[in-house]
Amino acid sequence: QVQLVESGGGLVQPGGSLRLSCAASGRIFSINGMGWYRQAPGKQRELVAAITSGASTNYADSVKGRFTISRDNAKNTLYLQMNSLKPEDTAVYYCTARARTNTMNDYWGQGTQVTVSS
């Protein structure tokens, strides 16, 4: 089993920055793709950014140029640097990873709240 634990969420003013982290633990043989999703109240969960094991990245149009996804493969940790935050970025942010233990499966974290408000 794989556990994903997010941290770094909180309350920030518009224009501010936050850095989210997601640490993966368990009997992990390898991790392929990882990503960040978010879900705002009353809305569907949406992809924010994704990164492959080879560090290729993909971003939602709404966060391009403001957010940066990265990973530390040695630490099995995923990051999301969020700059120039807007009120519409307010959501619960979830980490996901496709990891191999005995089999390959998709795993999700419990989510961390990000609130952008003055």
Protein backbone atom coordinates (compact mmCIF):
# COMPACT_ATOMS: atom_id res chain seq x y z
CA GLN A 1 0.00 0.00 0.00
CA VAL A 2 1.11 3.56 -0.73
CA GLN A 3 0.29 6.60 1.38
CA LEU A 4 0.36 10.14 0.00
CA VAL A 5 0.44 12.98 2.51
CA GLU A 6 0.02 16.58 1.36
CA SER A 7 1.17 19.63 3.29
CA GLY A 8 1.68 23.34 2.76
CA GLY A 9 -1.87 24.54 2.28
CA GLY A 10 -3.31 27.53 4.09
CA LEU A 11 -4.72 31.02 3.81
CA VAL A 12 -2.92 33.52 1.59
CA GLN A 13 -3.75 36.93 0.20
CA PRO A 14 -4.26 37.47 -3.53
CA GLY A 15 -0.91 37.78 -5.25
CA GLY A 16 0.78 35.65 -2.63
CA SER A 17 2.57 32.32 -2.88
CA LEU A 18 2.33 28.86 -1.38
CA ARG A 19 4.32 25.68 -1.86
CA LEU A 20 2.53 22.36 -1.57
CA SER A 21 4.35 19.12 -0.88
CA CYS A 22 3.23 15.52 -1.22
CA ALA A 23 5.29 12.75 0.35
CA ALA A 24 4.76 9.18 -0.80
CA SER A 25 5.55 6.29 1.52
CA GLY A 26 5.04 2.56 1.68
CA ARG A 27 6.45 -0.47 -0.12
CA ILE A 28 7.09 1.46 -3.33
CA PHE A 29 9.03 -0.11 -6.14
CA SER A 30 8.65 2.81 -8.52
CA ILE A 31 6.48 5.86 -9.19
CA ASN A 32 5.47 6.84 -12.71
CA GLY A 33 3.32 9.91 -13.24
CA MET A 34 2.38 12.25 -10.42
CA GLY A 35 0.02 15.17 -10.36
CA TRP A 36 -2.01 17.76 -8.53
CA TYR A 37 -5.77 18.09 -8.83
CA ARG A 38 -8.07 20.56 -7.13
CA GLN A 39 -11.73 20.75 -6.29
CA ALA A 40 -13.55 23.95 -5.44
CA PRO A 41 -16.94 23.92 -3.68
CA GLY A 42 -19.69 22.95 -6.10
CA LYS A 43 -17.25 22.16 -8.89
CA GLN A 44 -15.75 19.03 -10.36
CA ARG A 45 -12.24 17.96 -9.54
CA GLU A 46 -9.82 19.25 -12.18
CA LEU A 47 -6.24 18.60 -13.15
CA VAL A 48 -3.89 21.41 -12.15
CA ALA A 49 -0.53 20.00 -13.20
CA ALA A 50 1.14 16.69 -13.91
CA ILE A 51 4.70 15.43 -14.21
CA THR A 52 6.10 12.21 -15.64
CA SER A 53 8.94 10.16 -14.20
CA GLY A 54 11.13 11.83 -16.81
CA ALA A 55 10.07 15.30 -15.58
CA SER A 56 7.87 16.24 -18.54
CA THR A 57 5.16 18.57 -17.30
CA ASN A 58 1.63 19.55 -18.22
CA TYR A 59 -0.45 22.42 -16.80
CA ALA A 60 -4.03 23.58 -16.86
CA ASP A 61 -4.34 26.77 -18.90
CA SER A 62 -5.59 28.62 -15.83
CA VAL A 63 -2.32 28.13 -13.93
CA LYS A 64 0.29 28.28 -16.71
CA GLY A 65 3.01 30.78 -15.90
CA ARG A 66 2.00 30.93 -12.23
CA PHE A 67 2.37 27.35 -10.93
CA THR A 68 5.37 25.04 -11.19
CA ILE A 69 5.25 21.31 -10.56
CA SER A 70 8.39 19.39 -9.65
CA ARG A 71 9.42 16.14 -8.01
CA ASP A 72 12.30 14.69 -6.04
CA ASN A 73 12.49 11.05 -7.06
CA ALA A 74 15.03 10.21 -4.36
CA LYS A 75 12.57 11.38 -1.70
CA ASN A 76 9.38 10.22 -3.47
CA THR A 77 8.08 13.75 -3.02
CA LEU A 78 6.01 15.96 -5.30
CA TYR A 79 5.84 19.74 -5.11
CA LEU A 80 3.64 22.52 -6.43
CA GLN A 81 4.96 26.06 -6.27
CA MET A 82 2.03 28.44 -6.60
CA ASN A 83 2.71 32.13 -7.28
CA SER A 84 0.46 35.07 -8.06
CA LEU A 85 -2.43 33.31 -6.41
CA LYS A 86 -5.97 34.39 -7.23
CA PRO A 87 -9.23 33.92 -5.31
CA GLU A 88 -10.33 31.45 -8.00
CA ASP A 89 -7.42 29.20 -6.99
CA THR A 90 -9.24 28.50 -3.73
CA ALA A 91 -9.87 24.76 -3.51
CA VAL A 92 -8.84 21.53 -1.87
CA TYR A 93 -5.68 20.34 -3.61
CA TYR A 94 -5.08 16.62 -4.02
CA CYS A 95 -1.89 14.79 -4.85
CA THR A 96 -2.01 11.68 -7.01
CA ALA A 97 0.60 9.14 -8.03
CA ARG A 98 0.75 6.03 -10.19
CA ALA A 99 2.97 3.73 -8.19
CA ARG A 100 4.14 0.15 -8.41
CA THR A 101 4.22 -2.06 -5.36
CA ASN A 102 3.28 -5.63 -6.27
CA THR A 103 1.02 -4.11 -8.92
CA MET A 104 0.62 -0.70 -10.55
CA ASN A 105 -2.15 1.41 -9.03
CA ASP A 106 -3.28 5.01 -8.73
CA TYR A 107 -3.17 6.56 -5.28
CA TRP A 108 -4.62 9.78 -3.85
CA GLY A 109 -3.79 11.94 -0.87
CA GLN A 110 -6.33 13.27 1.59
CA GLY A 111 -6.17 16.82 0.26
CA THR A 112 -4.99 20.15 1.61
CA GLN A 113 -7.05 23.34 1.67
CA VAL A 114 -5.80 26.41 -0.15
CA THR A 115 -7.73 29.61 0.45
CA VAL A 116 -6.90 32.83 -1.38
CA SER A 117 -8.64 35.77 0.21
CA SER A 118 -7.98 39.26 1.47
